Protein backbone atom coordinates (compact mmCIF):
# COMPACT_ATOMS: atom_id res chain seq x y z
CA MET A 1 78.52 100.12 94.83
CA LYS A 2 80.60 102.44 97.00
CA SER A 3 78.92 105.73 97.80
CA ASN A 4 80.19 109.02 96.39
CA TYR A 5 80.41 110.43 99.92
CA LEU A 6 82.89 107.73 100.97
CA LYS A 7 84.84 108.15 97.74
CA LEU A 8 85.20 111.86 98.49
CA LEU A 9 86.37 111.22 102.05
CA GLU A 10 89.08 108.95 100.67
CA LYS A 11 90.02 111.30 97.83
CA TYR A 12 90.48 114.28 100.14
CA LYS A 13 91.96 112.21 102.99
CA ILE A 14 89.27 113.25 105.48
CA THR A 15 89.24 111.13 108.63
CA PRO A 16 85.65 109.95 109.07
CA THR A 17 83.66 109.16 112.20
CA PHE A 18 82.29 105.81 113.36
CA PRO A 19 79.20 105.66 111.06
CA CYS A 20 81.18 106.12 107.85
CA SER A 21 81.37 102.74 106.16
CA GLN A 22 79.51 101.37 103.19
CA GLU A 23 78.15 98.43 105.15
CA TYR A 24 76.89 100.62 107.99
CA PHE A 25 74.97 102.89 105.61
CA GLU A 26 73.43 99.94 103.82
CA ARG A 27 72.40 98.14 107.02
CA SER A 28 71.10 101.37 108.56
CA GLY A 29 69.06 102.38 105.52
CA ILE A 30 70.78 105.77 105.36
CA GLU A 31 70.34 107.51 102.00
CA GLU A 32 72.95 109.42 100.05
CA GLN A 33 71.69 112.67 98.57
CA THR A 34 73.02 115.71 96.73
CA CYS A 35 72.36 119.45 96.75
CA GLY A 36 74.23 121.27 93.99
CA ASP A 37 77.89 120.25 94.24
CA TYR A 38 77.43 118.88 97.74
CA VAL A 39 77.00 115.24 98.74
CA TYR A 40 75.57 114.18 102.09
CA TRP A 41 73.98 111.33 104.02
CA LYS A 42 70.69 111.93 105.77
CA GLN A 43 68.33 109.87 107.92
CA HIS A 44 65.03 111.48 108.87
CA GLU A 45 65.86 115.06 109.97
CA TRP A 46 69.49 114.26 110.83
CA PHE A 47 72.51 114.73 108.60
CA ILE A 48 74.89 111.89 109.54
CA GLY A 49 77.94 114.10 109.03
CA PRO A 50 78.69 117.44 107.40
CA PRO A 51 77.98 117.67 103.64
CA ILE A 52 81.08 117.67 101.44
CA ASN A 53 81.74 119.66 98.27
CA SER A 54 82.42 117.14 95.52
CA LEU A 55 84.64 119.60 93.62
CA THR A 56 86.82 120.93 96.43
CA GLY A 57 86.50 118.48 99.31
CA GLU A 58 85.32 121.32 101.58
CA LEU A 59 83.13 120.32 104.51
CA VAL A 60 80.13 122.56 105.17
CA LYS A 61 80.26 124.82 108.25
CA SER A 62 76.93 126.46 107.46
CA PRO A 63 74.53 126.06 104.51
CA PRO A 64 75.69 127.89 101.35
CA SER A 65 73.45 130.68 100.04
CA ASP A 66 71.93 128.43 97.37
CA TRP A 67 71.27 125.54 99.79
CA ILE A 68 67.64 124.42 99.59
CA ILE A 69 67.54 121.52 102.07
CA PRO A 70 66.93 122.28 105.79
CA MET A 71 70.18 121.47 107.59
CA ASN A 72 69.23 121.84 111.24
CA LYS A 73 70.76 118.76 112.84
CA ILE A 74 74.21 117.20 112.33
CA TRP A 75 74.48 113.90 114.21
CA ALA A 76 78.24 113.18 114.26
CA CYS A 77 80.51 115.95 113.09
CA PHE A 78 84.01 114.91 112.08
CA HIS A 79 86.93 115.04 114.50
CA ASN A 80 88.50 118.53 114.68
CA TRP A 81 85.70 120.02 112.58
CA GLU A 82 83.10 122.44 113.89
CA MET A 83 79.95 123.93 112.46
CA SER A 84 79.41 127.70 112.47
CA SER A 85 78.21 129.70 115.47
CA ASP A 86 74.65 129.33 114.15
CA TYR A 87 74.71 125.83 115.66
CA LYS A 88 74.80 124.69 119.27
CA LYS A 89 77.52 122.13 119.98
CA GLU A 90 76.52 119.09 122.06
CA PHE A 91 78.76 116.23 123.19
CA LEU A 92 77.70 112.98 121.49
CA SER A 93 80.25 110.36 122.47
CA PHE A 94 83.88 109.36 122.48
CA GLU A 95 85.58 107.43 119.72
CA TYR A 96 88.33 105.02 120.74
CA ILE A 97 91.18 104.51 118.27
CA TYR A 98 93.50 101.51 118.65
CA ASP A 99 96.53 100.11 116.86
CA PRO A 100 96.11 96.30 116.62
CA LYS A 101 99.89 95.82 116.66
CA ASN A 102 100.03 97.14 120.23
CA PHE A 103 98.06 94.10 121.37
CA LEU A 104 100.86 91.76 120.30
CA LYS A 105 103.23 92.87 123.08
CA MET A 106 101.13 94.81 125.64
CA GLU A 107 104.28 95.91 127.43
CA GLY A 108 104.47 98.26 130.38
CA GLY A 109 102.43 99.10 133.43
CA ARG A 110 99.54 100.71 131.57
CA TRP A 111 98.69 97.31 130.06
CA SER A 112 98.91 95.41 133.34
CA ILE A 113 95.17 95.15 134.10
CA PHE A 114 94.15 94.10 130.60
CA ARG A 115 97.12 91.74 130.31
CA LYS A 116 96.12 89.96 133.53
CA ASN A 117 92.44 89.79 132.62
CA ILE A 118 92.89 88.12 129.22
CA ARG A 119 94.97 85.40 130.86
CA LYS A 120 92.27 84.68 133.42
CA PHE A 121 89.46 83.66 131.07
CA PRO A 122 90.96 80.46 129.55
CA GLY A 123 91.85 79.21 133.03
CA ARG A 124 88.41 79.95 134.41
CA TYR A 125 86.93 78.08 131.47
CA GLY A 126 88.98 75.01 132.36
CA ASN A 127 91.67 75.58 129.71
CA ALA A 128 89.36 73.78 127.28
CA PRO A 129 90.26 73.96 123.57
CA LEU A 130 88.84 77.13 122.01
CA ARG A 131 88.48 78.07 118.35
CA TYR A 132 87.92 81.49 116.75
CA ILE A 133 86.15 80.89 113.43
CA GLU A 134 83.96 82.64 110.89
CA ALA A 135 80.23 82.64 111.58
CA THR A 136 78.00 81.11 108.89
CA SER A 137 74.28 80.64 108.30
CA ASP A 138 74.58 77.33 110.19
CA HIS A 139 75.16 79.30 113.38
CA GLU A 140 72.02 81.44 113.16
CA GLU A 141 69.96 79.63 115.81
CA ASP A 142 72.85 79.58 118.26
CA LEU A 143 73.49 83.28 117.62
CA LYS A 144 69.85 84.01 118.45
CA LYS A 145 70.25 82.23 121.78
CA LEU A 146 73.49 84.09 122.46
CA PHE A 147 71.84 87.43 121.71
CA LEU A 148 68.85 86.73 123.96
CA GLU A 149 71.19 85.76 126.79
CA TRP A 150 73.20 88.96 126.23
CA VAL A 151 70.04 91.09 126.31
CA GLY A 152 69.04 89.37 129.55
CA THR A 153 72.18 90.68 131.27
CA LYS A 154 71.21 94.31 130.63
CA GLY A 155 69.50 96.25 133.37
CA GLU A 156 66.15 97.91 132.81
CA ASP A 157 67.84 101.31 132.76
CA GLN A 158 70.33 100.29 130.03
CA GLU A 159 69.14 101.35 126.60
CA ILE A 160 70.01 99.14 123.62
CA HIS A 161 70.92 101.45 120.76
CA ASP A 162 70.16 100.72 117.10
CA ASP A 163 68.68 97.30 117.78
CA GLU A 164 67.55 96.75 114.17
CA VAL A 165 71.00 97.60 112.84
CA MET A 166 72.54 95.41 115.53
CA LEU A 167 70.50 92.38 114.49
CA ASN A 168 71.19 93.03 110.81
CA TYR A 169 74.92 92.87 111.52
CA LEU A 170 74.57 89.87 113.83
CA PHE A 171 72.82 87.66 111.28
CA HIS A 172 74.03 89.11 107.98
CA GLY A 173 77.26 91.03 108.65
CA ASN A 174 80.11 90.63 106.17
CA ASN A 175 82.70 90.18 108.93
CA ARG A 176 81.69 87.99 111.88
CA LYS A 177 83.83 85.61 113.89
CA ILE A 178 82.73 83.46 116.81
CA LEU A 179 84.59 81.93 119.74
CA VAL A 180 83.50 78.32 120.28
CA ASP A 181 84.52 75.62 122.74
CA LYS A 182 85.25 71.95 122.04
CA ASN A 183 81.49 71.26 121.83
CA ASN A 184 80.97 74.06 119.28
CA TYR A 185 79.13 76.06 121.93
CA ILE A 186 79.29 79.74 120.98
CA LEU A 187 80.84 81.83 123.74
CA GLY A 188 80.86 85.15 121.89
CA VAL A 189 80.92 86.91 118.55
CA ASN A 190 82.92 89.87 117.20
CA ILE A 191 81.49 91.90 114.32
CA TRP A 192 83.29 94.59 112.31
CA ASP A 193 83.34 96.33 108.96
CA LEU A 194 85.79 98.31 106.87
CA GLY A 195 86.45 101.90 105.84
CA TYR A 196 89.15 103.33 103.61
CA SER A 197 91.40 104.31 106.53
CA GLN A 198 89.97 102.43 109.51
CA ILE A 199 88.48 99.15 110.63
CA TYR A 200 85.25 99.68 112.57
CA PHE A 201 84.60 97.39 115.52
CA ARG A 202 80.79 97.35 115.43
CA PHE A 203 79.41 94.87 117.94
CA ASN A 204 80.41 92.26 120.47
CA PHE A 205 78.01 89.82 122.13
CA SER A 206 79.12 87.28 124.71
CA ARG A 207 78.01 84.90 127.43
CA ASN A 208 77.95 86.27 130.94
CA ILE A 209 81.33 84.84 131.91
CA LYS A 210 83.89 86.93 133.76
CA PHE A 211 86.83 88.17 131.64
CA LEU A 212 85.29 86.81 128.43
CA ASN A 213 84.78 90.32 127.03
CA GLU A 214 88.46 91.12 127.49
CA TYR A 215 89.46 87.86 125.83
CA LEU A 216 87.16 88.48 122.84
CA ARG A 217 88.67 91.93 122.31
CA TYR A 218 92.17 90.44 122.54
CA ILE A 219 91.56 87.74 119.92
CA PHE A 220 89.93 90.32 117.64
CA TYR A 221 92.93 92.65 117.73
CA THR A 222 95.50 89.88 117.34
CA ASP A 223 93.66 88.10 114.53
CA PRO A 224 95.88 88.03 111.38
CA ILE A 225 92.85 89.17 109.36
CA ILE A 226 92.90 92.43 111.33
CA LEU A 227 96.67 92.81 111.68
CA ASN A 228 97.39 92.25 108.00
CA GLN A 229 95.24 95.20 106.92
CA ASN A 230 97.65 97.65 108.59
CA LYS A 231 94.83 99.95 109.65
CA LEU A 232 93.85 101.51 112.92
CA VAL A 233 90.63 100.33 114.56
CA ASN A 234 87.82 102.69 115.47
CA ASP A 235 86.16 100.91 118.40
CA GLY A 236 83.22 103.32 118.69
CA GLY A 237 82.14 105.10 121.83
CA SER A 238 80.93 104.43 125.34
CA LEU A 239 77.18 105.10 124.89
CA ASP A 240 77.03 107.10 128.15
CA ASN A 241 77.98 103.90 129.96
CA LYS A 242 80.70 104.53 132.54
CA ASN A 243 81.52 100.82 132.82
CA LEU A 244 82.03 100.57 129.06
CA GLU A 245 84.15 103.72 129.10
CA ALA A 246 86.36 102.27 131.85
CA PHE A 247 86.63 98.98 129.95
CA LYS A 248 87.82 100.69 126.77
CA ASP A 249 90.24 102.91 128.68
CA LYS A 250 92.00 99.76 129.93
CA LEU A 251 92.74 98.76 126.32
CA CYS A 252 95.21 101.66 126.05
CA PRO A 253 93.75 103.62 123.11
CA LEU A 254 96.03 105.65 120.87
CA GLU A 255 93.40 108.35 120.97
CA LYS A 256 90.12 109.01 122.75
CA ARG A 257 88.32 111.49 120.54
CA GLU A 258 85.39 113.68 121.49
CA ILE A 259 82.61 113.66 118.89
CA PHE A 260 79.90 116.33 118.85
CA SER A 261 76.45 116.84 117.40
CA TYR A 262 75.23 120.24 116.22
CA ILE A 263 71.72 121.67 116.32
CA LYS A 264 70.66 124.90 114.61
CA MET A 265 69.94 127.56 117.22
CA GLU A 266 66.45 128.20 115.88
CA GLU A 267 65.59 124.54 116.52
CA ILE A 268 66.37 124.74 120.23
């Protein structure tokens, strides 16, 4: 059942941040709670976003006088929304917003690097027949092997964020498509979920083959399943990874939003 918080975001046409989908909340174990007329999502001591007034659609800047729940930490405040001066503002991450239709033409110089890279992968893989298909329970063992190989490419200094959520999506996500070769060998998987105004690109795991990541992004954005929804895609952030930030910049985002966390001054 769709949460009241998400219903209110849709009703009042509030543009949400990357965590705000029903599937993400369910797979993350985030709980919806209320305080008076306000609805909010909370995990441990963190509010996932600002509470919203169910009667007016107002987002909280500071706790109302009758607020009884400690509200000291806001993890991902909404774009163009700030908490009061009682909170310290800290940069959390970027959010990359893309229009899938732009990937159909990719015209102009700004697309030149990405355009060249997606053409390189099929040739480097011997121009073998490739298929982009839905993942099923039959693919679970092969997805485990893919994931372990992907983890093995990460350096010791690279943190893997939300690993439990990641695995939940990988094996049980509602929207998963895999790229396979003529031998049904899984080269990569794209995983996403849906919000009222955006599609959320959640995770991508691939073999360590040059230009495969670019190709997987390209087939995701040009998939009729994505195009036919007529929604923008929120492709998440860069996780303090400069290489990932540079990669996403090459995909020519419509917008690169700054997202901030807020911590109550007395907590610092």
